[in-house]
Amino acid sequence: MGGGNGQKAKMAREKNLEKQKAAKGSQLDSNKKAMTIQCKVCMQTFICTTSEVKCREHAEAKHPKSDIYACFPHLKK
């Protein structure tokens, strides 16, 4: 005779829970792929949405003797 609404809701919750578990791993992978900006001095990677200000802060704090463009050549534009 089929299940009631309670059973259908339980199955839907279990199905959605499985989807959420699988999605967490893929988020980590996409974050790793988004790390496209790299300091050429120390090879530290930054996420692709990092602003020029953050790049400058890194260069000034970690490499005060080096030029910012030596660390991040893409900022010369």
PDB file of N, CA and C in Angstrom:
ATOM      1  N   MET A   1       0.816  -1.197   0.000  1.00  0.00           N
ATOM      2  CA  MET A   1       0.000   0.000   0.000  1.00  0.00           C
ATOM      3  C   MET A   1       0.858   1.259   0.000  1.00  0.00           C
ATOM      4  N   GLY A   2       2.091   1.290   0.109  1.00  0.00           N
ATOM      5  CA  GLY A   2       2.859   2.535   0.092  1.00  0.00           C
ATOM      6  C   GLY A   2       2.962   3.159   1.466  1.00  0.00           C
ATOM      7  N   GLY A   3       3.884   4.039   1.606  1.00  0.00           N
ATOM      8  CA  GLY A   3       4.121   4.680   2.892  1.00  0.00           C
ATOM      9  C   GLY A   3       3.340   5.957   3.057  1.00  0.00           C
ATOM     10  N   GLY A   4       3.284   6.406   4.290  1.00  0.00           N
ATOM     11  CA  GLY A   4       2.599   7.657   4.584  1.00  0.00           C
ATOM     12  C   GLY A   4       3.535   8.837   4.388  1.00  0.00           C
ATOM     13  N   ASN A   5       3.027  10.014   4.690  1.00  0.00           N
ATOM     14  CA  ASN A   5       3.826  11.223   4.541  1.00  0.00           C
ATOM     15  C   ASN A   5       5.056  11.220   5.447  1.00  0.00           C
ATOM     16  N   GLY A   6       4.926  10.643   6.625  1.00  0.00           N
ATOM     17  CA  GLY A   6       6.047  10.581   7.563  1.00  0.00           C
ATOM     18  C   GLY A   6       7.213   9.794   6.989  1.00  0.00           C
ATOM     19  N   GLN A   7       6.883   8.681   6.348  1.00  0.00           N
ATOM     20  CA  GLN A   7       7.922   7.841   5.768  1.00  0.00           C
ATOM     21  C   GLN A   7       8.583   8.556   4.577  1.00  0.00           C
ATOM     22  N   LYS A   8       7.792   9.225   3.772  1.00  0.00           N
ATOM     23  CA  LYS A   8       8.327   9.947   2.618  1.00  0.00           C
ATOM     24  C   LYS A   8       9.251  11.081   3.074  1.00  0.00           C
ATOM     25  N   ALA A   9       8.848  11.772   4.122  1.00  0.00           N
ATOM     26  CA  ALA A   9       9.658  12.874   4.640  1.00  0.00           C
ATOM     27  C   ALA A   9      10.982  12.351   5.200  1.00  0.00           C
ATOM     28  N   LYS A  10      10.920  11.213   5.878  1.00  0.00           N
ATOM     29  CA  LYS A  10      12.136  10.625   6.430  1.00  0.00           C
ATOM     30  C   LYS A  10      13.095  10.225   5.312  1.00  0.00           C
ATOM     31  N   MET A  11      12.569   9.630   4.269  1.00  0.00           N
ATOM     32  CA  MET A  11      13.403   9.235   3.138  1.00  0.00           C
ATOM     33  C   MET A  11      14.031  10.468   2.471  1.00  0.00           C
ATOM     34  N   ALA A  12      13.257  11.542   2.339  1.00  0.00           N
ATOM     35  CA  ALA A  12      13.759  12.761   1.728  1.00  0.00           C
ATOM     36  C   ALA A  12      14.874  13.371   2.576  1.00  0.00           C
ATOM     37  N   ARG A  13      14.697  13.367   3.904  1.00  0.00           N
ATOM     38  CA  ARG A  13      15.732  13.886   4.797  1.00  0.00           C
ATOM     39  C   ARG A  13      17.022  13.085   4.666  1.00  0.00           C
ATOM     40  N   GLU A  14      16.904  11.760   4.646  1.00  0.00           N
ATOM     41  CA  GLU A  14      18.079  10.904   4.515  1.00  0.00           C
ATOM     42  C   GLU A  14      18.787  11.139   3.172  1.00  0.00           C
ATOM     43  N   LYS A  15      18.008  11.293   2.123  1.00  0.00           N
ATOM     44  CA  LYS A  15      18.559  11.531   0.793  1.00  0.00           C
ATOM     45  C   LYS A  15      19.307  12.869   0.748  1.00  0.00           C
ATOM     46  N   ASN A  16      18.725  13.916   1.330  1.00  0.00           N
ATOM     47  CA  ASN A  16      19.357  15.234   1.364  1.00  0.00           C
ATOM     48  C   ASN A  16      20.620  15.225   2.226  1.00  0.00           C
ATOM     49  N   LEU A  17      20.600  14.456   3.299  1.00  0.00           N
ATOM     50  CA  LEU A  17      21.765  14.351   4.174  1.00  0.00           C
ATOM     51  C   LEU A  17      22.937  13.733   3.423  1.00  0.00           C
ATOM     52  N   GLU A  18      22.676  12.728   2.609  1.00  0.00           N
ATOM     53  CA  GLU A  18      23.726  12.099   1.812  1.00  0.00           C
ATOM     54  C   GLU A  18      24.299  13.087   0.796  1.00  0.00           C
ATOM     55  N   LYS A  19      23.446  13.910   0.189  1.00  0.00           N
ATOM     56  CA  LYS A  19      23.903  14.907  -0.779  1.00  0.00           C
ATOM     57  C   LYS A  19      24.801  15.935  -0.108  1.00  0.00           C
ATOM     58  N   GLN A  20      24.442  16.357   1.104  1.00  0.00           N
ATOM     59  CA  GLN A  20      25.232  17.357   1.816  1.00  0.00           C
ATOM     60  C   GLN A  20      26.603  16.810   2.197  1.00  0.00           C
ATOM     61  N   LYS A  21      26.674  15.557   2.584  1.00  0.00           N
ATOM     62  CA  LYS A  21      27.954  14.955   2.943  1.00  0.00           C
ATOM     63  C   LYS A  21      28.884  14.934   1.740  1.00  0.00           C
ATOM     64  N   ALA A  22      28.376  14.604   0.600  1.00  0.00           N
ATOM     65  CA  ALA A  22      29.193  14.535  -0.607  1.00  0.00           C
ATOM     66  C   ALA A  22      29.655  15.931  -1.037  1.00  0.00           C
ATOM     67  N   ALA A  23      28.840  16.935  -0.820  1.00  0.00           N
ATOM     68  CA  ALA A  23      29.164  18.293  -1.264  1.00  0.00           C
ATOM     69  C   ALA A  23      30.316  18.891  -0.460  1.00  0.00           C
ATOM     70  N   LYS A  24      30.493  18.512   0.796  1.00  0.00           N
ATOM     71  CA  LYS A  24      31.543  19.095   1.628  1.00  0.00           C
ATOM     72  C   LYS A  24      32.921  18.800   1.067  1.00  0.00           C
ATOM     73  N   GLY A  25      33.140  17.617   0.591  1.00  0.00           N
ATOM     74  CA  GLY A  25      34.434  17.263   0.027  1.00  0.00           C
ATOM     75  C   GLY A  25      34.734  18.059  -1.232  1.00  0.00           C
ATOM     76  N   SER A  26      33.747  18.257  -2.055  1.00  0.00           N
ATOM     77  CA  SER A  26      33.964  18.980  -3.301  1.00  0.00           C
ATOM     78  C   SER A  26      34.235  20.458  -3.032  1.00  0.00           C
ATOM     79  N   GLN A  27      33.734  21.006  -1.962  1.00  0.00           N
ATOM     80  CA  GLN A  27      34.017  22.395  -1.600  1.00  0.00           C
ATOM     81  C   GLN A  27      35.503  22.564  -1.307  1.00  0.00           C
ATOM     82  N   LEU A  28      36.082  21.613  -0.624  1.00  0.00           N
ATOM     83  CA  LEU A  28      37.506  21.680  -0.315  1.00  0.00           C
ATOM     84  C   LEU A  28      38.335  21.614  -1.588  1.00  0.00           C
ATOM     85  N   ASP A  29      37.921  20.758  -2.507  1.00  0.00           N
ATOM     86  CA  ASP A  29      38.644  20.647  -3.774  1.00  0.00           C
ATOM     87  C   ASP A  29      38.578  21.953  -4.561  1.00  0.00           C
ATOM     88  N   SER A  30      37.414  22.563  -4.591  1.00  0.00           N
ATOM     89  CA  SER A  30      37.277  23.811  -5.339  1.00  0.00           C
ATOM     90  C   SER A  30      38.061  24.934  -4.680  1.00  0.00           C
ATOM     91  N   ASN A  31      38.167  24.915  -3.364  1.00  0.00           N
ATOM     92  CA  ASN A  31      38.979  25.922  -2.675  1.00  0.00           C
ATOM     93  C   ASN A  31      40.455  25.767  -3.036  1.00  0.00           C
ATOM     94  N   LYS A  32      40.917  24.529  -3.132  1.00  0.00           N
ATOM     95  CA  LYS A  32      42.314  24.300  -3.501  1.00  0.00           C
ATOM     96  C   LYS A  32      42.582  24.778  -4.922  1.00  0.00           C
ATOM     97  N   LYS A  33      41.635  24.556  -5.809  1.00  0.00           N
ATOM     98  CA  LYS A  33      41.794  24.975  -7.198  1.00  0.00           C
ATOM     99  C   LYS A  33      41.773  26.495  -7.324  1.00  0.00           C
ATOM    100  N   ALA A  34      41.091  27.175  -6.390  1.00  0.00           N
ATOM    101  CA  ALA A  34      40.975  28.632  -6.448  1.00  0.00           C
ATOM    102  C   ALA A  34      42.231  29.345  -5.939  1.00  0.00           C
ATOM    103  N   MET A  35      43.164  28.606  -5.377  1.00  0.00           N
ATOM    104  CA  MET A  35      44.401  29.197  -4.863  1.00  0.00           C
ATOM    105  C   MET A  35      45.363  29.429  -6.028  1.00  0.00           C
ATOM    106  N   THR A  36      45.110  30.491  -6.803  1.00  0.00           N
ATOM    107  CA  THR A  36      45.865  30.704  -8.025  1.00  0.00           C
ATOM    108  C   THR A  36      46.927  31.786  -7.913  1.00  0.00           C
ATOM    109  N   ILE A  37      46.826  32.672  -6.936  1.00  0.00           N
ATOM    110  CA  ILE A  37      47.828  33.722  -6.761  1.00  0.00           C
ATOM    111  C   ILE A  37      48.942  33.166  -5.879  1.00  0.00           C
ATOM    112  N   GLN A  38      50.192  33.338  -6.326  1.00  0.00           N
ATOM    113  CA  GLN A  38      51.307  32.780  -5.574  1.00  0.00           C
ATOM    114  C   GLN A  38      52.414  33.816  -5.431  1.00  0.00           C
ATOM    115  N   CYS A  39      52.911  33.945  -4.216  1.00  0.00           N
ATOM    116  CA  CYS A  39      54.062  34.804  -3.964  1.00  0.00           C
ATOM    117  C   CYS A  39      55.287  34.116  -4.567  1.00  0.00           C
ATOM    118  N   LYS A  40      56.026  34.832  -5.408  1.00  0.00           N
ATOM    119  CA  LYS A  40      57.168  34.232  -6.092  1.00  0.00           C
ATOM    120  C   LYS A  40      58.390  34.103  -5.190  1.00  0.00           C
ATOM    121  N   VAL A  41      58.373  34.768  -4.037  1.00  0.00           N
ATOM    122  CA  VAL A  41      59.516  34.704  -3.115  1.00  0.00           C
ATOM    123  C   VAL A  41      59.400  33.491  -2.197  1.00  0.00           C
ATOM    124  N   CYS A  42      58.253  33.351  -1.519  1.00  0.00           N
ATOM    125  CA  CYS A  42      58.095  32.269  -0.555  1.00  0.00           C
ATOM    126  C   CYS A  42      57.157  31.160  -1.030  1.00  0.00           C
ATOM    127  N   MET A  43      56.549  31.339  -2.205  1.00  0.00           N
ATOM    128  CA  MET A  43      55.658  30.352  -2.824  1.00  0.00           C
ATOM    129  C   MET A  43      54.365  30.113  -2.041  1.00  0.00           C
ATOM    130  N   GLN A  44      53.991  31.041  -1.182  1.00  0.00           N
ATOM    131  CA  GLN A  44      52.711  30.930  -0.478  1.00  0.00           C
ATOM    132  C   GLN A  44      51.587  31.217  -1.472  1.00  0.00           C
ATOM    133  N   THR A  45      50.510  30.436  -1.397  1.00  0.00           N
ATOM    134  CA  THR A  45      49.401  30.623  -2.327  1.00  0.00           C
ATOM    135  C   THR A  45      48.270  31.395  -1.662  1.00  0.00           C
ATOM    136  N   PHE A  46      47.529  32.124  -2.497  1.00  0.00           N
ATOM    137  CA  PHE A  46      46.393  32.920  -2.049  1.00  0.00           C
ATOM    138  C   PHE A  46      45.208  32.619  -2.953  1.00  0.00           C
ATOM    139  N   ILE A  47      44.013  32.749  -2.411  1.00  0.00           N
ATOM    140  CA  ILE A  47      42.801  32.505  -3.195  1.00  0.00           C
ATOM    141  C   ILE A  47      42.665  33.573  -4.278  1.00  0.00           C
ATOM    142  N   CYS A  48      42.046  33.208  -5.372  1.00  0.00           N
ATOM    143  CA  CYS A  48      42.004  34.077  -6.557  1.00  0.00           C
ATOM    144  C   CYS A  48      41.308  35.408  -6.308  1.00  0.00           C
ATOM    145  N   THR A  49      40.508  35.515  -5.265  1.00  0.00           N
ATOM    146  CA  THR A  49      39.791  36.760  -4.981  1.00  0.00           C
ATOM    147  C   THR A  49      40.579  37.700  -4.065  1.00  0.00           C
ATOM    148  N   THR A  50      41.830  37.359  -3.770  1.00  0.00           N
ATOM    149  CA  THR A  50      42.665  38.200  -2.907  1.00  0.00           C
ATOM    150  C   THR A  50      42.900  39.557  -3.563  1.00  0.00           C
ATOM    151  N   SER A  51      42.712  40.605  -2.790  1.00  0.00           N
ATOM    152  CA  SER A  51      42.856  41.960  -3.325  1.00  0.00           C
ATOM    153  C   SER A  51      44.326  42.368  -3.383  1.00  0.00           C
ATOM    154  N   GLU A  52      44.576  43.441  -4.113  1.00  0.00           N
ATOM    155  CA  GLU A  52      45.931  43.985  -4.227  1.00  0.00           C
ATOM    156  C   GLU A  52      46.429  44.445  -2.859  1.00  0.00           C
ATOM    157  N   VAL A  53      45.518  44.936  -2.029  1.00  0.00           N
ATOM    158  CA  VAL A  53      45.885  45.409  -0.691  1.00  0.00           C
ATOM    159  C   VAL A  53      46.455  44.256   0.141  1.00  0.00           C
ATOM    160  N   LYS A  54      45.820  43.107   0.075  1.00  0.00           N
ATOM    161  CA  LYS A  54      46.306  41.945   0.839  1.00  0.00           C
ATOM    162  C   LYS A  54      47.657  41.474   0.321  1.00  0.00           C
ATOM    163  N   CYS A  55      47.848  41.545  -0.984  1.00  0.00           N
ATOM    164  CA  CYS A  55      49.141  41.175  -1.560  1.00  0.00           C
ATOM    165  C   CYS A  55      50.230  42.126  -1.066  1.00  0.00           C
ATOM    166  N   ARG A  56      49.899  43.425  -1.043  1.00  0.00           N
ATOM    167  CA  ARG A  56      50.860  44.416  -0.547  1.00  0.00           C
ATOM    168  C   ARG A  56      51.185  44.171   0.925  1.00  0.00           C
ATOM    169  N   GLU A  57      50.152  43.865   1.730  1.00  0.00           N
ATOM    170  CA  GLU A  57      50.375  43.588   3.159  1.00  0.00           C
ATOM    171  C   GLU A  57      51.317  42.405   3.337  1.00  0.00           C
ATOM    172  N   HIS A  58      51.107  41.358   2.549  1.00  0.00           N
ATOM    173  CA  HIS A  58      51.964  40.186   2.638  1.00  0.00           C
ATOM    174  C   HIS A  58      53.401  40.553   2.281  1.00  0.00           C
ATOM    175  N   ALA A  59      53.569  41.275   1.181  1.00  0.00           N
ATOM    176  CA  ALA A  59      54.913  41.633   0.724  1.00  0.00           C
ATOM    177  C   ALA A  59      55.633  42.504   1.749  1.00  0.00           C
ATOM    178  N   GLU A  60      54.932  43.463   2.337  1.00  0.00           N
ATOM    179  CA  GLU A  60      55.547  44.355   3.319  1.00  0.00           C
ATOM    180  C   GLU A  60      55.877  43.627   4.619  1.00  0.00           C
ATOM    181  N   ALA A  61      55.015  42.697   5.031  1.00  0.00           N
ATOM    182  CA  ALA A  61      55.223  42.000   6.300  1.00  0.00           C
ATOM    183  C   ALA A  61      56.260  40.880   6.184  1.00  0.00           C
ATOM    184  N   LYS A  62      56.192  40.111   5.121  1.00  0.00           N
ATOM    185  CA  LYS A  62      57.053  38.941   4.995  1.00  0.00           C
ATOM    186  C   LYS A  62      58.353  39.211   4.244  1.00  0.00           C
ATOM    187  N   HIS A  63      58.322  40.155   3.306  1.00  0.00           N
ATOM    188  CA  HIS A  63      59.490  40.404   2.465  1.00  0.00           C
ATOM    189  C   HIS A  63      59.776  41.907   2.374  1.00  0.00           C
ATOM    190  N   PRO A  64      60.148  42.537   3.479  1.00  0.00           N
ATOM    191  CA  PRO A  64      60.342  43.997   3.461  1.00  0.00           C
ATOM    192  C   PRO A  64      61.494  44.456   2.554  1.00  0.00           C
ATOM    193  N   LYS A  65      62.464  43.581   2.302  1.00  0.00           N
ATOM    194  CA  LYS A  65      63.596  43.963   1.455  1.00  0.00           C
ATOM    195  C   LYS A  65      63.288  43.784  -0.031  1.00  0.00           C
ATOM    196  N   SER A  66      62.296  42.979  -0.346  1.00  0.00           N
ATOM    197  CA  SER A  66      61.951  42.719  -1.746  1.00  0.00           C
ATOM    198  C   SER A  66      60.902  43.706  -2.230  1.00  0.00           C
ATOM    199  N   ASP A  67      60.905  43.927  -3.515  1.00  0.00           N
ATOM    200  CA  ASP A  67      59.906  44.768  -4.157  1.00  0.00           C
ATOM    201  C   ASP A  67      58.593  43.993  -4.236  1.00  0.00           C
ATOM    202  N   ILE A  68      57.468  44.696  -4.128  1.00  0.00           N
ATOM    203  CA  ILE A  68      56.163  44.026  -4.199  1.00  0.00           C
ATOM    204  C   ILE A  68      55.977  43.315  -5.534  1.00  0.00           C
ATOM    205  N   TYR A  69      56.541  43.884  -6.596  1.00  0.00           N
ATOM    206  CA  TYR A  69      56.387  43.282  -7.919  1.00  0.00           C
ATOM    207  C   TYR A  69      57.255  42.036  -8.080  1.00  0.00           C
ATOM    208  N   ALA A  70      58.274  41.897  -7.234  1.00  0.00           N
ATOM    209  CA  ALA A  70      59.058  40.669  -7.233  1.00  0.00           C
ATOM    210  C   ALA A  70      58.234  39.535  -6.623  1.00  0.00           C
ATOM    211  N   CYS A  71      57.397  39.878  -5.662  1.00  0.00           N
ATOM    212  CA  CYS A  71      56.530  38.882  -5.034  1.00  0.00           C
ATOM    213  C   CYS A  71      55.330  38.547  -5.917  1.00  0.00           C
ATOM    214  N   PHE A  72      54.703  39.582  -6.445  1.00  0.00           N
ATOM    215  CA  PHE A  72      53.467  39.415  -7.214  1.00  0.00           C
ATOM    216  C   PHE A  72      53.590  40.140  -8.557  1.00  0.00           C
ATOM    217  N   PRO A  73      54.172  39.498  -9.566  1.00  0.00           N
ATOM    218  CA  PRO A  73      54.363  40.151 -10.861  1.00  0.00           C
ATOM    219  C   PRO A  73      53.056  40.538 -11.553  1.00  0.00           C
ATOM    220  N   HIS A  74      51.963  39.875 -11.217  1.00  0.00           N
ATOM    221  CA  HIS A  74      50.682  40.189 -11.885  1.00  0.00           C
ATOM    222  C   HIS A  74      50.149  41.565 -11.497  1.00  0.00           C
ATOM    223  N   LEU A  75      50.720  42.219 -10.482  1.00  0.00           N
ATOM    224  CA  LEU A  75      50.235  43.541 -10.069  1.00  0.00           C
ATOM    225  C   LEU A  75      50.818  44.668 -10.910  1.00  0.00           C
ATOM    226  N   LYS A  76      51.733  44.378 -11.798  1.00  0.00           N
ATOM    227  CA  LYS A  76      52.376  45.423 -12.620  1.00  0.00           C
ATOM    228  C   LYS A  76      51.430  46.062 -13.622  1.00  0.00           C
ATOM    229  N   LYS A  77      50.316  45.443 -13.923  1.00  0.00           N
ATOM    230  CA  LYS A  77      49.398  45.898 -14.967  1.00  0.00           C
ATOM    231  C   LYS A  77      49.056  47.350 -14.873  1.00  0.00           C
TER     232      LYS A  77
END
